[in-house]
Amino acid sequence: MTEHPEHPEPSERPGHPAYSEKDVLREVTELEGKSATAARLFDIRRIIGGLFVIYGVIVTIAGLTDDDAAIDKAEGVNINLWTGLGMLLLGLFFLVWLKLRPIVPPPDVVVGDDSKE
């Protein structure tokens, strides 16, 4: 039978770089930063607010360019104009809410316990 040597240290294994605790903490910090950026970018308030603002502008422009026949069809109310302005206000509300109350990243997670030394 052949004897199997003990598992070598990571720095002794070919093709396996050794990672220090400092490297791991730096990588964890970098990933947390990317995660917080993604959370802010895909916040549902940003998506809803942006869509309502875009559609509100389109519908408002349609309301401003409506002819008398379209207004008569809605019994004298320029429904596109009022709906577009409402959508604009709702979209701006969501975007202002996002600006005033941004997502707060969770508190730092303790990776290792230094008290065992």
PDB file of N, CA and C in Angstrom:
ATOM      1  N   MET A   1       0.824  -1.185   0.000  1.00  0.00           N
ATOM      2  CA  MET A   1       0.000   0.000   0.000  1.00  0.00           C
ATOM      3  C   MET A   1       0.869   1.250   0.000  1.00  0.00           C
ATOM      4  N   THR A   2       0.357   2.288  -0.631  1.00  0.00           N
ATOM      5  CA  THR A   2       1.084   3.548  -0.621  1.00  0.00           C
ATOM      6  C   THR A   2       0.488   4.457   0.431  1.00  0.00           C
ATOM      7  N   GLU A   3       1.331   5.228   1.046  1.00  0.00           N
ATOM      8  CA  GLU A   3       0.871   6.152   2.079  1.00  0.00           C
ATOM      9  C   GLU A   3       0.480   7.478   1.430  1.00  0.00           C
ATOM     10  N   HIS A   4      -0.593   8.046   1.929  1.00  0.00           N
ATOM     11  CA  HIS A   4      -1.042   9.354   1.445  1.00  0.00           C
ATOM     12  C   HIS A   4      -0.525  10.421   2.405  1.00  0.00           C
ATOM     13  N   PRO A   5       0.193  11.399   1.877  1.00  0.00           N
ATOM     14  CA  PRO A   5       0.668  12.455   2.776  1.00  0.00           C
ATOM     15  C   PRO A   5      -0.507  13.309   3.251  1.00  0.00           C
ATOM     16  N   GLU A   6      -0.297  13.985   4.346  1.00  0.00           N
ATOM     17  CA  GLU A   6      -1.308  14.909   4.854  1.00  0.00           C
ATOM     18  C   GLU A   6      -1.608  15.956   3.790  1.00  0.00           C
ATOM     19  N   HIS A   7      -2.782  16.541   3.858  1.00  0.00           N
ATOM     20  CA  HIS A   7      -3.133  17.588   2.899  1.00  0.00           C
ATOM     21  C   HIS A   7      -2.179  18.758   3.080  1.00  0.00           C
ATOM     22  N   PRO A   8      -1.539  19.199   2.011  1.00  0.00           N
ATOM     23  CA  PRO A   8      -0.625  20.331   2.146  1.00  0.00           C
ATOM     24  C   PRO A   8      -1.392  21.624   2.377  1.00  0.00           C
ATOM     25  N   GLU A   9      -0.711  22.618   2.892  1.00  0.00           N
ATOM     26  CA  GLU A   9      -1.294  23.940   3.099  1.00  0.00           C
ATOM     27  C   GLU A   9      -1.716  24.523   1.756  1.00  0.00           C
ATOM     28  N   PRO A  10      -2.680  25.425   1.732  1.00  0.00           N
ATOM     29  CA  PRO A  10      -3.129  25.992   0.455  1.00  0.00           C
ATOM     30  C   PRO A  10      -1.996  26.624  -0.343  1.00  0.00           C
ATOM     31  N   SER A  11      -1.024  27.237   0.332  1.00  0.00           N
ATOM     32  CA  SER A  11       0.066  27.878  -0.396  1.00  0.00           C
ATOM     33  C   SER A  11       1.004  26.856  -1.008  1.00  0.00           C
ATOM     34  N   GLU A  12       0.971  25.605  -0.521  1.00  0.00           N
ATOM     35  CA  GLU A  12       1.844  24.567  -1.043  1.00  0.00           C
ATOM     36  C   GLU A  12       1.205  23.782  -2.179  1.00  0.00           C
ATOM     37  N   ARG A  13      -0.104  23.907  -2.344  1.00  0.00           N
ATOM     38  CA  ARG A  13      -0.789  23.191  -3.419  1.00  0.00           C
ATOM     39  C   ARG A  13      -0.580  23.929  -4.729  1.00  0.00           C
ATOM     40  N   PRO A  14      -0.210  23.207  -5.774  1.00  0.00           N
ATOM     41  CA  PRO A  14      -0.018  23.889  -7.051  1.00  0.00           C
ATOM     42  C   PRO A  14      -1.348  24.383  -7.612  1.00  0.00           C
ATOM     43  N   GLY A  15      -1.365  25.626  -8.091  1.00  0.00           N
ATOM     44  CA  GLY A  15      -2.570  26.184  -8.710  1.00  0.00           C
ATOM     45  C   GLY A  15      -3.585  26.720  -7.736  1.00  0.00           C
ATOM     46  N   HIS A  16      -3.325  26.661  -6.443  1.00  0.00           N
ATOM     47  CA  HIS A  16      -4.257  27.162  -5.434  1.00  0.00           C
ATOM     48  C   HIS A  16      -3.589  28.296  -4.676  1.00  0.00           C
ATOM     49  N   PRO A  17      -3.988  29.540  -4.955  1.00  0.00           N
ATOM     50  CA  PRO A  17      -3.358  30.653  -4.244  1.00  0.00           C
ATOM     51  C   PRO A  17      -3.793  30.676  -2.789  1.00  0.00           C
ATOM     52  N   ALA A  18      -2.931  31.149  -1.952  1.00  0.00           N
ATOM     53  CA  ALA A  18      -3.252  31.271  -0.532  1.00  0.00           C
ATOM     54  C   ALA A  18      -3.985  32.594  -0.309  1.00  0.00           C
ATOM     55  N   TYR A  19      -5.076  32.548   0.433  1.00  0.00           N
ATOM     56  CA  TYR A  19      -5.839  33.746   0.740  1.00  0.00           C
ATOM     57  C   TYR A  19      -5.666  34.076   2.214  1.00  0.00           C
ATOM     58  N   SER A  20      -5.288  35.279   2.468  1.00  0.00           N
ATOM     59  CA  SER A  20      -5.190  35.712   3.854  1.00  0.00           C
ATOM     60  C   SER A  20      -6.556  36.234   4.285  1.00  0.00           C
ATOM     61  N   GLU A  21      -6.699  36.440   5.572  1.00  0.00           N
ATOM     62  CA  GLU A  21      -7.964  36.965   6.086  1.00  0.00           C
ATOM     63  C   GLU A  21      -8.215  38.363   5.535  1.00  0.00           C
ATOM     64  N   LYS A  22      -7.145  39.118   5.311  1.00  0.00           N
ATOM     65  CA  LYS A  22      -7.256  40.462   4.757  1.00  0.00           C
ATOM     66  C   LYS A  22      -7.831  40.408   3.342  1.00  0.00           C
ATOM     67  N   ASP A  23      -7.378  39.426   2.524  1.00  0.00           N
ATOM     68  CA  ASP A  23      -7.903  39.275   1.169  1.00  0.00           C
ATOM     69  C   ASP A  23      -9.383  38.914   1.186  1.00  0.00           C
ATOM     70  N   VAL A  24      -9.750  38.018   2.089  1.00  0.00           N
ATOM     71  CA  VAL A  24     -11.142  37.584   2.179  1.00  0.00           C
ATOM     72  C   VAL A  24     -12.027  38.753   2.611  1.00  0.00           C
ATOM     73  N   LEU A  25     -11.587  39.525   3.604  1.00  0.00           N
ATOM     74  CA  LEU A  25     -12.376  40.669   4.061  1.00  0.00           C
ATOM     75  C   LEU A  25     -12.516  41.715   2.962  1.00  0.00           C
ATOM     76  N   ARG A  26     -11.453  41.927   2.194  1.00  0.00           N
ATOM     77  CA  ARG A  26     -11.522  42.891   1.088  1.00  0.00           C
ATOM     78  C   ARG A  26     -12.534  42.418   0.041  1.00  0.00           C
ATOM     79  N   GLU A  27     -12.522  41.119  -0.261  1.00  0.00           N
ATOM     80  CA  GLU A  27     -13.461  40.587  -1.249  1.00  0.00           C
ATOM     81  C   GLU A  27     -14.897  40.660  -0.748  1.00  0.00           C
ATOM     82  N   VAL A  28     -15.096  40.365   0.541  1.00  0.00           N
ATOM     83  CA  VAL A  28     -16.442  40.441   1.119  1.00  0.00           C
ATOM     84  C   VAL A  28     -16.945  41.885   1.087  1.00  0.00           C
ATOM     85  N   THR A  29     -16.076  42.830   1.423  1.00  0.00           N
ATOM     86  CA  THR A  29     -16.452  44.238   1.394  1.00  0.00           C
ATOM     87  C   THR A  29     -16.818  44.678  -0.022  1.00  0.00           C
ATOM     88  N   GLU A  30     -16.052  44.206  -1.000  1.00  0.00           N
ATOM     89  CA  GLU A  30     -16.335  44.548  -2.395  1.00  0.00           C
ATOM     90  C   GLU A  30     -17.685  43.984  -2.835  1.00  0.00           C
ATOM     91  N   LEU A  31     -17.971  42.738  -2.452  1.00  0.00           N
ATOM     92  CA  LEU A  31     -19.251  42.124  -2.820  1.00  0.00           C
ATOM     93  C   LEU A  31     -20.418  42.818  -2.126  1.00  0.00           C
ATOM     94  N   GLU A  32     -20.226  43.242  -0.872  1.00  0.00           N
ATOM     95  CA  GLU A  32     -21.282  43.969  -0.173  1.00  0.00           C
ATOM     96  C   GLU A  32     -21.569  45.290  -0.871  1.00  0.00           C
ATOM     97  N   GLY A  33     -20.521  45.961  -1.342  1.00  0.00           N
ATOM     98  CA  GLY A  33     -20.710  47.218  -2.064  1.00  0.00           C
ATOM     99  C   GLY A  33     -21.482  47.014  -3.351  1.00  0.00           C
ATOM    100  N   LYS A  34     -21.140  45.944  -4.090  1.00  0.00           N
ATOM    101  CA  LYS A  34     -21.862  45.644  -5.328  1.00  0.00           C
ATOM    102  C   LYS A  34     -23.315  45.289  -5.036  1.00  0.00           C
ATOM    103  N   SER A  35     -23.549  44.563  -3.951  1.00  0.00           N
ATOM    104  CA  SER A  35     -24.912  44.172  -3.591  1.00  0.00           C
ATOM    105  C   SER A  35     -25.746  45.393  -3.220  1.00  0.00           C
ATOM    106  N   ALA A  36     -25.150  46.324  -2.473  1.00  0.00           N
ATOM    107  CA  ALA A  36     -25.881  47.536  -2.092  1.00  0.00           C
ATOM    108  C   ALA A  36     -26.189  48.378  -3.323  1.00  0.00           C
ATOM    109  N   THR A  37     -25.242  48.439  -4.271  1.00  0.00           N
ATOM    110  CA  THR A  37     -25.476  49.190  -5.500  1.00  0.00           C
ATOM    111  C   THR A  37     -26.603  48.566  -6.305  1.00  0.00           C
ATOM    112  N   ALA A  38     -26.617  47.236  -6.397  1.00  0.00           N
ATOM    113  CA  ALA A  38     -27.684  46.548  -7.127  1.00  0.00           C
ATOM    114  C   ALA A  38     -29.033  46.755  -6.441  1.00  0.00           C
ATOM    115  N   ALA A  39     -29.040  46.748  -5.124  1.00  0.00           N
ATOM    116  CA  ALA A  39     -30.304  46.963  -4.393  1.00  0.00           C
ATOM    117  C   ALA A  39     -30.842  48.359  -4.654  1.00  0.00           C
ATOM    118  N   ARG A  40     -29.955  49.359  -4.669  1.00  0.00           N
ATOM    119  CA  ARG A  40     -30.411  50.717  -4.954  1.00  0.00           C
ATOM    120  C   ARG A  40     -30.865  50.854  -6.399  1.00  0.00           C
ATOM    121  N   LEU A  41     -30.153  50.197  -7.305  1.00  0.00           N
ATOM    122  CA  LEU A  41     -30.472  50.321  -8.724  1.00  0.00           C
ATOM    123  C   LEU A  41     -31.824  49.689  -9.046  1.00  0.00           C
ATOM    124  N   PHE A  42     -32.123  48.554  -8.440  1.00  0.00           N
ATOM    125  CA  PHE A  42     -33.353  47.835  -8.750  1.00  0.00           C
ATOM    126  C   PHE A  42     -34.427  48.028  -7.682  1.00  0.00           C
ATOM    127  N   ASP A  43     -34.351  49.123  -6.961  1.00  0.00           N
ATOM    128  CA  ASP A  43     -35.392  49.448  -5.992  1.00  0.00           C
ATOM    129  C   ASP A  43     -36.703  49.633  -6.753  1.00  0.00           C
ATOM    130  N   ILE A  44     -37.754  49.012  -6.293  1.00  0.00           N
ATOM    131  CA  ILE A  44     -39.034  49.011  -7.006  1.00  0.00           C
ATOM    132  C   ILE A  44     -39.597  50.425  -7.133  1.00  0.00           C
ATOM    133  N   ARG A  45     -39.261  51.304  -6.184  1.00  0.00           N
ATOM    134  CA  ARG A  45     -39.748  52.686  -6.268  1.00  0.00           C
ATOM    135  C   ARG A  45     -39.147  53.399  -7.466  1.00  0.00           C
ATOM    136  N   ARG A  46     -37.892  53.095  -7.785  1.00  0.00           N
ATOM    137  CA  ARG A  46     -37.244  53.708  -8.938  1.00  0.00           C
ATOM    138  C   ARG A  46     -37.901  53.229 -10.230  1.00  0.00           C
ATOM    139  N   ILE A  47     -38.191  51.946 -10.298  1.00  0.00           N
ATOM    140  CA  ILE A  47     -38.795  51.382 -11.507  1.00  0.00           C
ATOM    141  C   ILE A  47     -40.210  51.914 -11.706  1.00  0.00           C
ATOM    142  N   ILE A  48     -41.022  51.871 -10.647  1.00  0.00           N
ATOM    143  CA  ILE A  48     -42.404  52.359 -10.759  1.00  0.00           C
ATOM    144  C   ILE A  48     -42.422  53.857 -11.037  1.00  0.00           C
ATOM    145  N   GLY A  49     -41.624  54.617 -10.317  1.00  0.00           N
ATOM    146  CA  GLY A  49     -41.587  56.063 -10.515  1.00  0.00           C
ATOM    147  C   GLY A  49     -41.131  56.435 -11.913  1.00  0.00           C
ATOM    148  N   GLY A  50     -40.095  55.767 -12.396  1.00  0.00           N
ATOM    149  CA  GLY A  50     -39.597  56.055 -13.738  1.00  0.00           C
ATOM    150  C   GLY A  50     -40.615  55.751 -14.813  1.00  0.00           C
ATOM    151  N   LEU A  51     -41.282  54.607 -14.685  1.00  0.00           N
ATOM    152  CA  LEU A  51     -42.294  54.245 -15.685  1.00  0.00           C
ATOM    153  C   LEU A  51     -43.471  55.209 -15.670  1.00  0.00           C
ATOM    154  N   PHE A  52     -43.929  55.588 -14.473  1.00  0.00           N
ATOM    155  CA  PHE A  52     -45.053  56.522 -14.399  1.00  0.00           C
ATOM    156  C   PHE A  52     -44.683  57.885 -14.965  1.00  0.00           C
ATOM    157  N   VAL A  53     -43.454  58.327 -14.731  1.00  0.00           N
ATOM    158  CA  VAL A  53     -43.034  59.621 -15.288  1.00  0.00           C
ATOM    159  C   VAL A  53     -42.982  59.545 -16.811  1.00  0.00           C
ATOM    160  N   ILE A  54     -42.399  58.479 -17.344  1.00  0.00           N
ATOM    161  CA  ILE A  54     -42.306  58.341 -18.805  1.00  0.00           C
ATOM    162  C   ILE A  54     -43.698  58.287 -19.439  1.00  0.00           C
ATOM    163  N   TYR A  55     -44.564  57.411 -18.907  1.00  0.00           N
ATOM    164  CA  TYR A  55     -45.915  57.301 -19.470  1.00  0.00           C
ATOM    165  C   TYR A  55     -46.725  58.571 -19.211  1.00  0.00           C
ATOM    166  N   GLY A  56     -46.490  59.225 -18.081  1.00  0.00           N
ATOM    167  CA  GLY A  56     -47.194  60.470 -17.794  1.00  0.00           C
ATOM    168  C   GLY A  56     -46.844  61.559 -18.790  1.00  0.00           C
ATOM    169  N   VAL A  57     -45.568  61.636 -19.172  1.00  0.00           N
ATOM    170  CA  VAL A  57     -45.161  62.620 -20.183  1.00  0.00           C
ATOM    171  C   VAL A  57     -45.847  62.313 -21.509  1.00  0.00           C
ATOM    172  N   ILE A  58     -45.867  61.040 -21.893  1.00  0.00           N
ATOM    173  CA  ILE A  58     -46.487  60.657 -23.169  1.00  0.00           C
ATOM    174  C   ILE A  58     -47.980  60.988 -23.180  1.00  0.00           C
ATOM    175  N   VAL A  59     -48.685  60.619 -22.111  1.00  0.00           N
ATOM    176  CA  VAL A  59     -50.131  60.850 -22.063  1.00  0.00           C
ATOM    177  C   VAL A  59     -50.431  62.344 -21.935  1.00  0.00           C
ATOM    178  N   THR A  60     -49.601  63.098 -21.227  1.00  0.00           N
ATOM    179  CA  THR A  60     -49.803  64.537 -21.125  1.00  0.00           C
ATOM    180  C   THR A  60     -49.638  65.203 -22.488  1.00  0.00           C
ATOM    181  N   ILE A  61     -48.626  64.791 -23.227  1.00  0.00           N
ATOM    182  CA  ILE A  61     -48.442  65.339 -24.581  1.00  0.00           C
ATOM    183  C   ILE A  61     -49.642  64.994 -25.462  1.00  0.00           C
ATOM    184  N   ALA A  62     -50.152  63.763 -25.311  1.00  0.00           N
ATOM    185  CA  ALA A  62     -51.344  63.386 -26.076  1.00  0.00           C
ATOM    186  C   ALA A  62     -52.536  64.253 -25.669  1.00  0.00           C
ATOM    187  N   GLY A  63     -52.644  64.584 -24.379  1.00  0.00           N
ATOM    188  CA  GLY A  63     -53.741  65.443 -23.915  1.00  0.00           C
ATOM    189  C   GLY A  63     -53.616  66.862 -24.410  1.00  0.00           C
ATOM    190  N   LEU A  64     -52.391  67.344 -24.507  1.00  0.00           N
ATOM    191  CA  LEU A  64     -52.196  68.711 -24.998  1.00  0.00           C
ATOM    192  C   LEU A  64     -52.477  68.822 -26.488  1.00  0.00           C
ATOM    193  N   THR A  65     -52.333  67.725 -27.215  1.00  0.00           N
ATOM    194  CA  THR A  65     -52.548  67.760 -28.670  1.00  0.00           C
ATOM    195  C   THR A  65     -53.903  67.199 -29.085  1.00  0.00           C
ATOM    196  N   ASP A  66     -54.755  66.863 -28.109  1.00  0.00           N
ATOM    197  CA  ASP A  66     -56.094  66.335 -28.456  1.00  0.00           C
ATOM    198  C   ASP A  66     -56.900  67.395 -29.208  1.00  0.00           C
ATOM    199  N   ASP A  67     -57.705  66.919 -30.130  1.00  0.00           N
ATOM    200  CA  ASP A  67     -58.597  67.831 -30.851  1.00  0.00           C
ATOM    201  C   ASP A  67     -59.952  67.885 -30.150  1.00  0.00           C
ATOM    202  N   ASP A  68     -60.808  68.706 -30.645  1.00  0.00           N
ATOM    203  CA  ASP A  68     -62.124  68.892 -30.029  1.00  0.00           C
ATOM    204  C   ASP A  68     -62.967  67.621 -30.068  1.00  0.00           C
ATOM    205  N   ALA A  69     -62.794  66.801 -31.085  1.00  0.00           N
ATOM    206  CA  ALA A  69     -63.586  65.567 -31.185  1.00  0.00           C
ATOM    207  C   ALA A  69     -63.258  64.611 -30.037  1.00  0.00           C
ATOM    208  N   ALA A  70     -61.965  64.504 -29.678  1.00  0.00           N
ATOM    209  CA  ALA A  70     -61.571  63.619 -28.573  1.00  0.00           C
ATOM    210  C   ALA A  70     -62.085  64.153 -27.243  1.00  0.00           C
ATOM    211  N   ILE A  71     -62.070  65.461 -27.082  1.00  0.00           N
ATOM    212  CA  ILE A  71     -62.562  66.056 -25.834  1.00  0.00           C
ATOM    213  C   ILE A  71     -64.086  65.921 -25.755  1.00  0.00           C
ATOM    214  N   ASP A  72     -64.787  66.089 -26.856  1.00  0.00           N
ATOM    215  CA  ASP A  72     -66.244  65.905 -26.870  1.00  0.00           C
ATOM    216  C   ASP A  72     -66.623  64.458 -26.585  1.00  0.00           C
ATOM    217  N   LYS A  73     -65.786  63.523 -27.056  1.00  0.00           N
ATOM    218  CA  LYS A  73     -66.051  62.108 -26.813  1.00  0.00           C
ATOM    219  C   LYS A  73     -65.981  61.798 -25.310  1.00  0.00           C
ATOM    220  N   ALA A  74     -65.144  62.543 -24.566  1.00  0.00           N
ATOM    221  CA  ALA A  74     -65.019  62.362 -23.115  1.00  0.00           C
ATOM    222  C   ALA A  74     -65.909  63.338 -22.356  1.00  0.00           C
ATOM    223  N   GLU A  75     -66.974  63.797 -22.997  1.00  0.00           N
ATOM    224  CA  GLU A  75     -67.971  64.692 -22.401  1.00  0.00           C
ATOM    225  C   GLU A  75     -67.352  65.987 -21.883  1.00  0.00           C
ATOM    226  N   GLY A  76     -66.450  66.563 -22.668  1.00  0.00           N
ATOM    227  CA  GLY A  76     -65.896  67.871 -22.349  1.00  0.00           C
ATOM    228  C   GLY A  76     -64.691  67.861 -21.421  1.00  0.00           C
ATOM    229  N   VAL A  77     -64.246  66.693 -21.019  1.00  0.00           N
ATOM    230  CA  VAL A  77     -63.093  66.600 -20.116  1.00  0.00           C
ATOM    231  C   VAL A  77     -61.880  66.146 -20.928  1.00  0.00           C
ATOM    232  N   ASN A  78     -60.789  66.848 -20.791  1.00  0.00           N
ATOM    233  CA  ASN A  78     -59.558  66.439 -21.473  1.00  0.00           C
ATOM    234  C   ASN A  78     -58.911  65.340 -20.627  1.00  0.00           C
ATOM    235  N   ILE A  79     -59.424  64.124 -20.804  1.00  0.00           N
ATOM    236  CA  ILE A  79     -59.052  63.008 -19.940  1.00  0.00           C
ATOM    237  C   ILE A  79     -57.577  62.635 -20.074  1.00  0.00           C
ATOM    238  N   ASN A  80     -57.018  62.758 -21.274  1.00  0.00           N
ATOM    239  CA  ASN A  80     -55.599  62.438 -21.448  1.00  0.00           C
ATOM    240  C   ASN A  80     -54.714  63.416 -20.677  1.00  0.00           C
ATOM    241  N   LEU A  81     -55.080  64.666 -20.685  1.00  0.00           N
ATOM    242  CA  LEU A  81     -54.292  65.665 -19.973  1.00  0.00           C
ATOM    243  C   LEU A  81     -54.328  65.403 -18.468  1.00  0.00           C
ATOM    244  N   TRP A  82     -55.512  65.180 -17.919  1.00  0.00           N
ATOM    245  CA  TRP A  82     -55.629  64.956 -16.474  1.00  0.00           C
ATOM    246  C   TRP A  82     -55.001  63.636 -16.044  1.00  0.00           C
ATOM    247  N   THR A  83     -55.171  62.608 -16.850  1.00  0.00           N
ATOM    248  CA  THR A  83     -54.558  61.322 -16.523  1.00  0.00           C
ATOM    249  C   THR A  83     -53.033  61.425 -16.600  1.00  0.00           C
ATOM    250  N   GLY A  84     -52.528  62.094 -17.614  1.00  0.00           N
ATOM    251  CA  GLY A  84     -51.083  62.274 -17.749  1.00  0.00           C
ATOM    252  C   GLY A  84     -50.493  63.056 -16.587  1.00  0.00           C
ATOM    253  N   LEU A  85     -51.180  64.125 -16.173  1.00  0.00           N
ATOM    254  CA  LEU A  85     -50.692  64.896 -15.031  1.00  0.00           C
ATOM    255  C   LEU A  85     -50.731  64.071 -13.744  1.00  0.00           C
ATOM    256  N   GLY A  86     -51.759  63.268 -13.581  1.00  0.00           N
ATOM    257  CA  GLY A  86     -51.833  62.377 -12.416  1.00  0.00           C
ATOM    258  C   GLY A  86     -50.706  61.353 -12.409  1.00  0.00           C
ATOM    259  N   MET A  87     -50.423  60.803 -13.585  1.00  0.00           N
ATOM    260  CA  MET A  87     -49.324  59.834 -13.674  1.00  0.00           C
ATOM    261  C   MET A  87     -47.982  60.498 -13.394  1.00  0.00           C
ATOM    262  N   LEU A  88     -47.816  61.722 -13.889  1.00  0.00           N
ATOM    263  CA  LEU A  88     -46.580  62.462 -13.600  1.00  0.00           C
ATOM    264  C   LEU A  88     -46.424  62.703 -12.099  1.00  0.00           C
ATOM    265  N   LEU A  89     -47.484  63.123 -11.444  1.00  0.00           N
ATOM    266  CA  LEU A  89     -47.418  63.368  -9.999  1.00  0.00           C
ATOM    267  C   LEU A  89     -47.109  62.092  -9.223  1.00  0.00           C
ATOM    268  N   LEU A  90     -47.743  60.991  -9.599  1.00  0.00           N
ATOM    269  CA  LEU A  90     -47.486  59.727  -8.913  1.00  0.00           C
ATOM    270  C   LEU A  90     -46.036  59.274  -9.125  1.00  0.00           C
ATOM    271  N   GLY A  91     -45.541  59.385 -10.349  1.00  0.00           N
ATOM    272  CA  GLY A  91     -44.156  59.007 -10.622  1.00  0.00           C
ATOM    273  C   GLY A  91     -43.172  59.873  -9.863  1.00  0.00           C
ATOM    274  N   LEU A  92     -43.434  61.187  -9.820  1.00  0.00           N
ATOM    275  CA  LEU A  92     -42.567  62.086  -9.056  1.00  0.00           C
ATOM    276  C   LEU A  92     -42.628  61.785  -7.562  1.00  0.00           C
ATOM    277  N   PHE A  93     -43.814  61.398  -7.070  1.00  0.00           N
ATOM    278  CA  PHE A  93     -43.937  61.004  -5.670  1.00  0.00           C
ATOM    279  C   PHE A  93     -43.014  59.829  -5.352  1.00  0.00           C
ATOM    280  N   PHE A  94     -43.017  58.800  -6.200  1.00  0.00           N
ATOM    281  CA  PHE A  94     -42.165  57.636  -5.969  1.00  0.00           C
ATOM    282  C   PHE A  94     -40.682  58.012  -6.017  1.00  0.00           C
ATOM    283  N   LEU A  95     -40.297  58.868  -6.949  1.00  0.00           N
ATOM    284  CA  LEU A  95     -38.899  59.254  -7.062  1.00  0.00           C
ATOM    285  C   LEU A  95     -38.452  60.137  -5.892  1.00  0.00           C
ATOM    286  N   VAL A  96     -39.326  61.024  -5.423  1.00  0.00           N
ATOM    287  CA  VAL A  96     -38.988  61.842  -4.257  1.00  0.00           C
ATOM    288  C   VAL A  96     -38.906  60.964  -3.014  1.00  0.00           C
ATOM    289  N   TRP A  97     -39.812  60.004  -2.893  1.00  0.00           N
ATOM    290  CA  TRP A  97     -39.791  59.063  -1.775  1.00  0.00           C
ATOM    291  C   TRP A  97     -38.470  58.293  -1.773  1.00  0.00           C
ATOM    292  N   LEU A  98     -38.025  57.871  -2.934  1.00  0.00           N
ATOM    293  CA  LEU A  98     -36.753  57.153  -3.050  1.00  0.00           C
ATOM    294  C   LEU A  98     -35.597  58.041  -2.615  1.00  0.00           C
ATOM    295  N   LYS A  99     -35.648  59.308  -2.981  1.00  0.00           N
ATOM    296  CA  LYS A  99     -34.564  60.231  -2.637  1.00  0.00           C
ATOM    297  C   LYS A  99     -34.545  60.534  -1.138  1.00  0.00           C
ATOM    298  N   LEU A 100     -35.731  60.702  -0.538  1.00  0.00           N
ATOM    299  CA  LEU A 100     -35.804  61.053   0.877  1.00  0.00           C
ATOM    300  C   LEU A 100     -35.570  59.861   1.799  1.00  0.00           C
ATOM    301  N   ARG A 101     -35.971  58.677   1.386  1.00  0.00           N
ATOM    302  CA  ARG A 101     -35.825  57.478   2.219  1.00  0.00           C
ATOM    303  C   ARG A 101     -35.093  56.381   1.440  1.00  0.00           C
ATOM    304  N   PRO A 102     -33.777  56.528   1.205  1.00  0.00           N
ATOM    305  CA  PRO A 102     -33.055  55.507   0.434  1.00  0.00           C
ATOM    306  C   PRO A 102     -32.933  54.205   1.220  1.00  0.00           C
ATOM    307  N   ILE A 103     -32.594  53.159   0.511  1.00  0.00           N
ATOM    308  CA  ILE A 103     -32.395  51.854   1.148  1.00  0.00           C
ATOM    309  C   ILE A 103     -31.153  51.926   2.021  1.00  0.00           C
ATOM    310  N   VAL A 104     -31.289  51.469   3.264  1.00  0.00           N
ATOM    311  CA  VAL A 104     -30.166  51.446   4.183  1.00  0.00           C
ATOM    312  C   VAL A 104     -29.556  50.049   4.136  1.00  0.00           C
ATOM    313  N   PRO A 105     -28.240  49.942   3.879  1.00  0.00           N
ATOM    314  CA  PRO A 105     -27.641  48.619   3.853  1.00  0.00           C
ATOM    315  C   PRO A 105     -27.701  47.967   5.231  1.00  0.00           C
ATOM    316  N   PRO A 106     -27.784  46.642   5.273  1.00  0.00           N
ATOM    317  CA  PRO A 106     -27.855  45.963   6.567  1.00  0.00           C
ATOM    318  C   PRO A 106     -26.565  46.177   7.353  1.00  0.00           C
ATOM    319  N   PRO A 107     -26.619  46.030   8.687  1.00  0.00           N
ATOM    320  CA  PRO A 107     -25.405  46.193   9.480  1.00  0.00           C
ATOM    321  C   PRO A 107     -24.357  45.159   9.091  1.00  0.00           C
ATOM    322  N   ASP A 108     -23.087  45.502   9.345  1.00  0.00           N
ATOM    323  CA  ASP A 108     -21.989  44.606   8.984  1.00  0.00           C
ATOM    324  C   ASP A 108     -22.118  43.285   9.725  1.00  0.00           C
ATOM    325  N   VAL A 109     -21.783  42.219   9.007  1.00  0.00           N
ATOM    326  CA  VAL A 109     -21.817  40.876   9.574  1.00  0.00           C
ATOM    327  C   VAL A 109     -20.415  40.544  10.032  1.00  0.00           C
ATOM    328  N   VAL A 110     -20.287  40.006  11.248  1.00  0.00           N
ATOM    329  CA  VAL A 110     -18.985  39.632  11.767  1.00  0.00           C
ATOM    330  C   VAL A 110     -18.551  38.354  11.077  1.00  0.00           C
ATOM    331  N   VAL A 111     -17.386  38.406  10.373  1.00  0.00           N
ATOM    332  CA  VAL A 111     -16.906  37.260   9.609  1.00  0.00           C
ATOM    333  C   VAL A 111     -16.198  36.264  10.497  1.00  0.00           C
ATOM    334  N   GLY A 112     -15.337  36.738  11.353  1.00  0.00           N
ATOM    335  CA  GLY A 112     -14.562  35.844  12.223  1.00  0.00           C
ATOM    336  C   GLY A 112     -14.565  36.353  13.644  1.00  0.00           C
ATOM    337  N   ASP A 113     -14.262  35.467  14.592  1.00  0.00           N
ATOM    338  CA  ASP A 113     -14.210  35.831  15.995  1.00  0.00           C
ATOM    339  C   ASP A 113     -12.754  35.892  16.413  1.00  0.00           C
ATOM    340  N   ASP A 114     -12.265  37.074  16.779  1.00  0.00           N
ATOM    341  CA  ASP A 114     -10.857  37.261  17.139  1.00  0.00           C
ATOM    342  C   ASP A 114     -10.597  36.948  18.606  1.00  0.00           C
ATOM    343  N   SER A 115     -11.604  36.607  19.377  1.00  0.00           N
ATOM    344  CA  SER A 115     -11.421  36.385  20.802  1.00  0.00           C
ATOM    345  C   SER A 115     -10.823  35.022  21.117  1.00  0.00           C
ATOM    346  N   LYS A 116     -10.660  34.160  20.119  1.00  0.00           N
ATOM    347  CA  LYS A 116     -10.137  32.803  20.359  1.00  0.00           C
ATOM    348  C   LYS A 116      -8.619  32.760  20.395  1.00  0.00           C
ATOM    349  N   GLU A 117      -7.940  33.870  20.220  1.00  0.00           N
ATOM    350  CA  GLU A 117      -6.488  33.874  20.176  1.00  0.00           C
ATOM    351  C   GLU A 117      -5.863  33.588  21.478  1.00  0.00           C
TER     352      GLU A 117
END
